[in-house]
Protein backbone atom coordinates (compact mmCIF):
# COMPACT_ATOMS: atom_id res chain seq x y z
CA UNK A 1 -53.04 14.49 56.19
CA UNK A 2 -50.10 15.89 58.12
CA UNK A 3 -48.97 12.38 59.18
CA UNK A 4 -49.17 11.10 55.59
CA UNK A 5 -47.05 14.00 54.35
CA UNK A 6 -44.51 13.36 57.11
CA UNK A 7 -44.27 9.65 56.18
CA UNK A 8 -43.64 10.53 52.53
CA UNK A 9 -40.86 12.96 53.53
CA UNK A 10 -39.21 10.30 55.71
CA UNK A 11 -39.38 7.72 52.93
CA UNK A 12 -37.93 10.22 50.49
CA UNK A 13 -35.03 11.08 52.77
CA UNK A 14 -34.32 7.37 53.35
CA UNK A 15 -34.24 6.77 49.61
CA UNK A 16 -31.89 9.72 49.06
CA UNK A 17 -29.63 8.49 51.87
CA UNK A 18 -29.53 5.03 50.28
CA UNK A 19 -28.52 6.53 46.94
CA UNK A 20 -25.92 8.75 48.60
CA UNK A 21 -24.40 5.81 50.47
CA UNK A 22 -24.24 3.76 47.30
CA UNK A 23 -22.59 6.59 45.36
CA UNK A 24 -20.16 7.16 48.20
CA UNK A 25 -19.14 3.52 48.16
CA UNK A 26 -18.76 3.48 44.40
CA UNK A 27 -16.74 6.70 44.29
CA UNK A 28 -14.58 5.99 47.31
CA UNK A 29 -10.92 5.73 46.38
CA UNK A 30 -9.44 3.69 49.22
CA UNK A 31 -6.03 3.77 47.64
CA UNK A 32 -5.56 7.47 48.34
CA UNK A 33 -6.80 7.61 51.93
CA UNK A 34 -4.39 9.71 54.03
CA UNK A 35 -2.12 8.22 56.68
CA UNK A 36 -3.97 10.16 59.38
CA UNK A 37 -7.22 8.33 58.62
CA UNK A 38 -5.59 4.92 58.24
CA UNK A 39 -3.57 5.21 61.45
CA UNK A 40 -6.58 6.35 63.44
CA UNK A 41 -9.08 3.82 62.11
CA UNK A 42 -6.96 0.89 60.90
CA UNK A 43 -3.69 1.04 62.85
CA UNK A 44 -1.55 1.21 59.69
CA UNK A 45 -0.27 3.75 57.19
CA UNK A 46 -0.75 3.96 53.45
CA UNK A 47 2.41 2.03 52.60
CA UNK A 48 1.40 -0.94 54.77
CA UNK A 49 -2.15 -0.79 53.37
CA UNK A 50 -0.77 -1.09 49.83
CA UNK A 51 1.44 -3.99 50.92
CA UNK A 52 -1.53 -5.82 52.44
CA UNK A 53 -3.46 -5.36 49.20
CA UNK A 54 -0.56 -6.76 47.20
CA UNK A 55 -0.18 -9.78 49.49
CA UNK A 56 -3.88 -10.64 49.71
CA UNK A 57 -4.94 -10.03 46.11
CA UNK A 58 -3.70 -13.43 44.83
CA UNK A 59 -5.43 -15.40 47.61
CA UNK A 60 -8.77 -13.59 48.02
CA UNK A 61 -11.50 -14.65 45.52
CA UNK A 62 -12.54 -11.94 43.08
CA UNK A 63 -16.10 -10.63 43.14
CA UNK A 64 -18.26 -11.66 40.18
CA UNK A 65 -20.69 -8.74 40.46
CA UNK A 66 -20.17 -5.57 38.44
CA UNK A 67 -21.39 -3.45 41.37
CA UNK A 68 -19.67 -5.53 44.06
CA UNK A 69 -17.64 -4.10 46.89
CA UNK A 70 -14.15 -3.13 45.65
CA UNK A 71 -11.31 -5.27 46.99
CA UNK A 72 -9.46 -2.34 48.67
CA UNK A 73 -12.66 -1.46 50.51
CA UNK A 74 -13.01 -5.06 51.73
CA UNK A 75 -9.53 -4.88 53.23
CA UNK A 76 -10.25 -1.45 54.71
CA UNK A 77 -13.45 -2.71 56.39
CA UNK A 78 -11.65 -5.71 57.90
CA UNK A 79 -8.73 -3.66 59.19
CA UNK A 80 -11.13 -1.15 60.71
CA UNK A 81 -12.96 -3.98 62.52
CA UNK A 82 -9.73 -5.58 63.79
CA UNK A 83 -8.22 -2.27 64.93
CA UNK A 84 -11.32 -0.84 66.62
CA UNK A 85 -12.94 -3.96 68.04
CA UNK A 86 -16.29 -2.33 67.29
CA UNK A 87 -19.54 -3.91 66.20
CA UNK A 88 -19.98 -4.76 62.53
CA UNK A 89 -22.93 -2.38 62.24
CA UNK A 90 -20.84 0.52 63.53
CA UNK A 91 -18.12 -0.29 61.01
CA UNK A 92 -20.68 -0.29 58.19
CA UNK A 93 -22.01 3.13 59.22
CA UNK A 94 -18.58 4.70 59.11
CA UNK A 95 -18.70 7.73 56.78
CA UNK A 96 -15.77 6.50 54.70
CA UNK A 97 -17.05 2.91 54.42
CA UNK A 98 -20.85 3.07 54.39
CA UNK A 99 -21.92 -0.52 53.68
CA UNK A 100 -24.48 -2.77 55.32
CA UNK A 101 -23.83 -4.98 58.35
CA UNK A 102 -24.44 -8.15 56.33
CA UNK A 103 -21.89 -7.05 53.76
CA UNK A 104 -19.43 -6.22 56.53
CA UNK A 105 -19.86 -9.73 57.93
CA UNK A 106 -19.18 -11.37 54.56
CA UNK A 107 -16.23 -9.11 53.85
CA UNK A 108 -14.55 -9.76 57.22
CA UNK A 109 -14.91 -13.51 56.77
CA UNK A 110 -13.39 -13.33 53.29
CA UNK A 111 -10.35 -11.24 54.25
CA UNK A 112 -9.72 -13.19 57.47
CA UNK A 113 -9.63 -16.40 55.44
CA UNK A 114 -7.12 -14.78 53.10
CA UNK A 115 -4.87 -13.75 56.00
CA UNK A 116 -4.97 -17.33 57.30
CA UNK A 117 -3.90 -18.61 53.88
CA UNK A 118 -0.68 -16.60 54.15
CA UNK A 119 -0.17 -17.37 57.87
CA UNK A 120 2.75 -19.74 57.26
CA UNK A 121 4.51 -17.08 55.18
CA UNK A 122 4.46 -14.47 57.95
CA UNK A 123 4.54 -16.48 61.17
CA UNK A 124 7.63 -18.65 60.72
CA UNK A 125 9.44 -20.66 63.37
CA UNK A 126 13.23 -21.04 62.80
CA UNK A 127 13.61 -24.55 61.40
CA UNK A 128 17.27 -24.35 60.34
CA UNK A 129 20.37 -23.96 62.56
CA UNK A 130 21.26 -20.71 60.79
CA UNK A 131 17.85 -19.19 61.54
CA UNK A 132 18.01 -20.27 65.17
CA UNK A 133 21.49 -18.81 65.56
CA UNK A 134 20.24 -15.47 64.27
CA UNK A 135 17.46 -15.44 66.88
CA UNK A 136 19.89 -16.49 69.64
CA UNK A 137 22.17 -13.59 68.71
CA UNK A 138 19.22 -11.21 68.89
CA UNK A 139 18.28 -12.35 72.39
CA UNK A 140 21.85 -12.25 73.63
CA UNK A 141 22.46 -8.80 72.17
CA UNK A 142 19.34 -7.37 73.85
CA UNK A 143 19.00 -9.41 77.05
CA UNK A 144 22.33 -11.29 77.53
CA UNK A 145 20.47 -14.59 77.89
CA UNK A 146 22.28 -17.09 75.62
CA UNK A 147 20.72 -20.07 73.85
CA UNK A 148 17.24 -18.49 73.58
CA UNK A 149 15.27 -19.22 70.40
CA UNK A 150 12.00 -17.72 71.59
CA UNK A 151 9.82 -16.51 74.48
CA UNK A 152 6.61 -18.41 75.22
CA UNK A 153 3.41 -17.33 76.96
CA UNK A 154 -0.36 -17.52 76.67
CA UNK A 155 -3.10 -14.91 76.49
CA UNK A 156 -6.88 -15.11 76.71
CA UNK A 157 -9.12 -13.74 73.94
CA UNK A 158 -12.72 -13.56 75.09
CA UNK A 159 -15.52 -15.00 72.94
CA UNK A 160 -19.25 -15.50 73.38
CA UNK A 161 -20.50 -18.78 74.82
CA UNK A 162 -20.01 -21.45 72.14
CA UNK A 163 -22.78 -23.87 71.22
CA UNK A 164 -20.61 -26.98 71.61
CA UNK A 165 -18.15 -27.96 74.37
CA UNK A 166 -18.71 -24.75 76.27
CA UNK A 167 -16.91 -26.14 79.35
CA UNK A 168 -13.68 -26.33 77.31
CA UNK A 169 -13.76 -22.56 76.78
CA UNK A 170 -14.74 -21.45 80.30
CA UNK A 171 -11.63 -19.88 81.82
CA UNK A 172 -10.53 -19.09 85.37
CA UNK A 173 -11.79 -15.51 85.11
CA UNK A 174 -15.34 -16.71 84.53
CA UNK A 175 -15.39 -15.88 80.82
CA UNK A 176 -15.47 -17.94 77.63
CA UNK A 177 -12.23 -17.54 75.74
CA UNK A 178 -9.58 -18.87 73.40
CA UNK A 179 -6.29 -19.54 75.22
CA UNK A 180 -3.78 -18.51 72.57
CA UNK A 181 -0.15 -19.63 72.95
CA UNK A 182 2.41 -17.30 71.38
CA UNK A 183 6.17 -17.55 70.81
CA UNK A 184 8.13 -14.46 69.80
CA UNK A 185 11.73 -13.52 68.99
CA UNK A 186 13.81 -10.73 70.55
CA UNK A 187 12.17 -8.12 68.30
CA UNK A 188 8.65 -9.16 69.51
CA UNK A 189 7.98 -10.74 66.12
CA UNK A 190 5.59 -13.68 66.45
CA UNK A 191 7.26 -16.89 65.27
CA UNK A 192 4.56 -19.34 66.41
CA UNK A 193 0.90 -19.08 67.43
CA UNK A 194 -1.56 -21.76 68.55
CA UNK A 195 -5.26 -20.90 68.97
CA UNK A 196 -6.77 -24.39 68.91
CA UNK A 197 -7.67 -24.68 72.59
CA UNK A 198 -10.17 -23.06 74.92
CA UNK A 199 -9.69 -21.01 78.05
CA UNK A 200 -10.13 -23.95 80.43
CA UNK A 201 -6.77 -25.44 79.40
CA UNK A 202 -3.63 -24.52 81.35
CA UNK A 203 -0.53 -23.21 79.61
CA UNK A 204 1.37 -26.42 80.34
CA UNK A 205 -1.36 -28.75 79.08
CA UNK A 206 -1.74 -26.77 75.85
CA UNK A 207 2.03 -26.66 75.38
CA UNK A 208 2.20 -30.45 75.65
CA UNK A 209 -0.30 -30.69 72.75
CA UNK A 210 1.30 -28.11 70.47
CA UNK A 211 2.78 -29.40 67.22
CA UNK A 212 5.95 -27.36 67.69
CA UNK A 213 6.86 -29.01 71.00
CA UNK A 214 8.30 -32.27 69.51
CA UNK A 215 10.42 -30.25 67.11
CA UNK A 216 12.00 -28.18 69.91
CA UNK A 217 12.50 -31.30 72.02
CA UNK A 218 14.19 -33.16 69.14
CA UNK A 219 16.44 -30.17 68.52
CA UNK A 220 17.74 -30.49 72.09
CA UNK A 221 18.11 -34.28 71.86
CA UNK A 222 20.21 -33.85 68.73
CA UNK A 223 22.75 -31.90 70.79
CA UNK A 224 21.82 -28.28 70.08
CA UNK A 225 21.89 -25.92 73.07
CA UNK A 226 18.72 -23.93 72.63
CA UNK A 227 15.58 -23.29 74.64
CA UNK A 228 12.46 -21.25 75.05
CA UNK A 229 12.06 -18.79 77.92
CA UNK A 230 8.80 -19.09 79.87
CA UNK A 231 7.40 -18.58 83.36
CA UNK A 232 6.39 -21.16 85.97
CA UNK A 233 3.09 -21.91 84.27
CA UNK A 234 5.18 -24.17 82.03
CA UNK A 235 7.21 -27.24 83.09
CA UNK A 236 10.97 -26.88 83.45
CA UNK A 237 12.74 -28.88 80.77
CA UNK A 238 16.18 -28.77 79.16
CA UNK A 239 14.47 -26.97 76.26
CA UNK A 240 12.31 -24.62 78.39
CA UNK A 241 13.92 -22.29 80.92
CA UNK A 242 11.63 -21.16 83.76
CA UNK A 243 12.38 -19.03 86.88
CA UNK A 244 13.92 -20.59 89.98
CA UNK A 245 11.46 -20.41 92.85
CA UNK A 246 12.48 -18.90 96.21
CA UNK A 247 15.96 -17.85 95.01
CA UNK A 248 18.03 -16.17 97.73
CA UNK A 249 19.52 -12.75 96.99
CA UNK A 250 23.15 -12.70 95.85
CA UNK A 251 23.15 -16.32 94.66
CA UNK A 252 23.54 -17.73 91.14
CA UNK A 253 19.81 -18.53 91.26
CA UNK A 254 18.94 -14.90 91.90
CA UNK A 255 21.24 -13.68 89.13
CA UNK A 256 19.67 -16.20 86.76
CA UNK A 257 16.17 -14.97 87.65
CA UNK A 258 17.23 -11.39 86.95
CA UNK A 259 18.36 -12.14 83.39
CA UNK A 260 15.48 -14.56 82.85
CA UNK A 261 12.95 -11.93 83.93
CA UNK A 262 14.43 -9.31 81.59
CA UNK A 263 14.20 -11.75 78.69
CA UNK A 264 10.66 -12.78 79.60
CA UNK A 265 9.49 -9.17 79.19
CA UNK A 266 9.89 -9.71 75.45
CA UNK A 267 6.77 -11.88 75.14
CA UNK A 268 4.86 -9.55 77.48
CA UNK A 269 5.64 -6.65 75.15
CA UNK A 270 4.70 -8.75 72.13
CA UNK A 271 1.24 -9.57 73.48
CA UNK A 272 0.75 -5.98 74.68
CA UNK A 273 1.57 -4.68 71.19
CA UNK A 274 -0.63 -7.29 69.50
CA UNK A 275 -3.67 -6.41 71.58
CA UNK A 276 -2.87 -2.71 71.61
CA UNK A 277 -2.96 -2.41 67.82
CA UNK A 278 -5.72 -4.96 67.17
CA UNK A 279 -8.27 -4.07 69.82
CA UNK A 280 -10.77 -6.70 68.69
CA UNK A 281 -8.70 -9.11 70.81
CA UNK A 282 -9.68 -7.48 74.10
CA UNK A 283 -12.21 -4.65 73.73
CA UNK A 284 -15.26 -6.92 73.81
CA UNK A 285 -16.01 -10.63 73.31
CA UNK A 286 -15.65 -11.85 69.74
CA UNK A 287 -19.14 -12.77 68.53
CA UNK A 288 -17.93 -15.75 66.53
CA UNK A 289 -17.52 -19.48 66.82
CA UNK A 290 -14.24 -20.66 68.40
CA UNK A 291 -12.92 -21.65 64.97
CA UNK A 292 -13.68 -18.23 63.48
CA UNK A 293 -12.25 -16.48 66.55
CA UNK A 294 -9.04 -18.51 66.25
CA UNK A 295 -8.69 -17.42 62.62
CA UNK A 296 -9.12 -13.79 63.69
CA UNK A 297 -6.26 -14.20 66.19
CA UNK A 298 -4.10 -15.76 63.47
CA UNK A 299 -4.92 -12.87 61.14
CA UNK A 300 -3.90 -10.36 63.81
CA UNK A 301 -0.60 -12.22 64.27
CA UNK A 302 0.11 -11.88 60.53
CA UNK A 303 -0.70 -8.17 60.59
CA UNK A 304 1.37 -7.71 63.76
CA UNK A 305 4.47 -9.09 62.02
CA UNK A 306 3.76 -7.08 58.90
CA UNK A 307 3.55 -3.84 60.90
CA UNK A 308 6.78 -4.67 62.73
CA UNK A 309 8.62 -5.28 59.46
CA UNK A 310 7.34 -1.97 58.11
CA UNK A 311 8.64 -0.16 61.20
CA UNK A 312 5.32 1.41 62.19
CA UNK A 313 5.25 3.33 65.49
CA UNK A 314 4.34 1.20 68.46
CA UNK A 315 0.67 1.30 69.44
CA UNK A 316 -0.49 2.09 72.95
CA UNK A 317 0.35 -1.10 74.82
CA UNK A 318 -2.50 -3.11 76.29
CA UNK A 319 -1.83 -4.94 79.56
CA UNK A 320 -4.31 -7.55 80.77
CA UNK A 321 -5.87 -6.21 83.99
CA UNK A 322 -5.53 -9.52 85.81
CA UNK A 323 -2.19 -11.35 85.49
CA UNK A 324 -2.35 -15.10 85.14
CA UNK A 325 -1.58 -16.90 88.43
CA UNK A 326 1.89 -18.39 88.71
CA UNK A 327 1.59 -22.11 89.33
CA UNK A 328 4.09 -24.40 91.02
CA UNK A 329 6.20 -26.10 88.38
CA UNK A 330 5.87 -29.52 90.12
CA UNK A 331 2.08 -29.60 89.76
CA UNK A 332 2.31 -29.29 85.98
CA UNK A 333 4.53 -32.35 85.46
CA UNK A 334 2.43 -35.20 86.88
CA UNK A 335 1.53 -36.62 83.47
CA UNK A 336 4.84 -35.86 81.80
CA UNK A 337 8.29 -37.42 81.71
CA UNK A 338 9.74 -36.79 85.19
CA UNK A 339 13.21 -37.75 84.00
CA UNK A 340 13.19 -34.79 81.60
CA UNK A 341 12.04 -32.61 84.50
CA UNK A 342 15.03 -33.50 86.68
CA UNK A 343 17.43 -33.18 83.75
CA UNK A 344 15.89 -29.77 83.10
CA UNK A 345 16.55 -28.74 86.71
CA UNK A 346 20.18 -29.78 86.38
CA UNK A 347 20.65 -27.98 83.07
CA UNK A 348 19.07 -24.83 84.51
CA UNK A 349 21.30 -24.94 87.61
CA UNK A 350 24.44 -25.31 85.51
CA UNK A 351 23.27 -22.48 83.30
CA UNK A 352 22.60 -20.25 86.35
CA UNK A 353 26.12 -20.84 87.67
CA UNK A 354 27.60 -20.10 84.26
CA UNK A 355 25.75 -16.78 84.12
CA UNK A 356 26.76 -15.91 87.69
CA UNK A 357 30.48 -16.43 87.15
CA UNK A 358 30.55 -14.83 83.69
CA UNK A 359 28.99 -11.51 84.72
């Protein structure tokens, strides 16, 4: 008799909790959430939240159900997941969200797709001479490294073991990951992102497959003095400036490396900010297919740029615990045009001497 009474009480409390959660969701006014809550749980303030709603509303399908999850709450759930890197179930149990794990999964997928629709509007590479000149001025003003139209580097985003082609995603650290390639400007704004390749690919091999590479190469061949700044994981080319190995102190090579290294910190800061604000990119493996994980990275890139434009305070920077090994630049050029490699060495040497005698 006592056990039966206890079971009835438990069922009754579960029913009341279900009703309370439903009423909480229906009554929740996401629009008026304070900045303190949004910054702590979503990495943004109220103004940026409203801007995200305005941008996504035209591209996210409307719910057809009268008691469906409100659109602001869908965005709130997704931002909470991206910023915390927590499990979907934990996000759903949040006091201010309070929706089921299955609903959280559907909502995240919907909003991530919307952010990918607007990717080309927020992650924009400078395609005109005027745009490139503006970026060059920014790099020269901050780092005194002329001709720079972007900094290039890669970062690993861990995922669970994929069902297909798992060897393509197995990286050097012994994890399965997406090897994302990112280019940023002097203000750490992301101007290009490529998440199509797995962790087994090297930076140089992925760079050679990126759609943006022919454009940058053609820009150089048309007579424009511009290049990306990268480290020795990438091949030296007239349009990619890498460090000079074994440079002696007090030489033009050493002076070049000094300015190159200062400029290269830009992309390091960019990736540290990206992962610091959107902790889903490092806190635990993304439990998604590689395609879905790539879209999550793209979505974080959009939000990163949006937060920069809004002037939000910098998040706590995340630095990968294990730096990627620096590879000899010769080993990465075996299947590439060696003539461009030697021209790149000559251009870099002339550039180093110009820097040395102009300082």
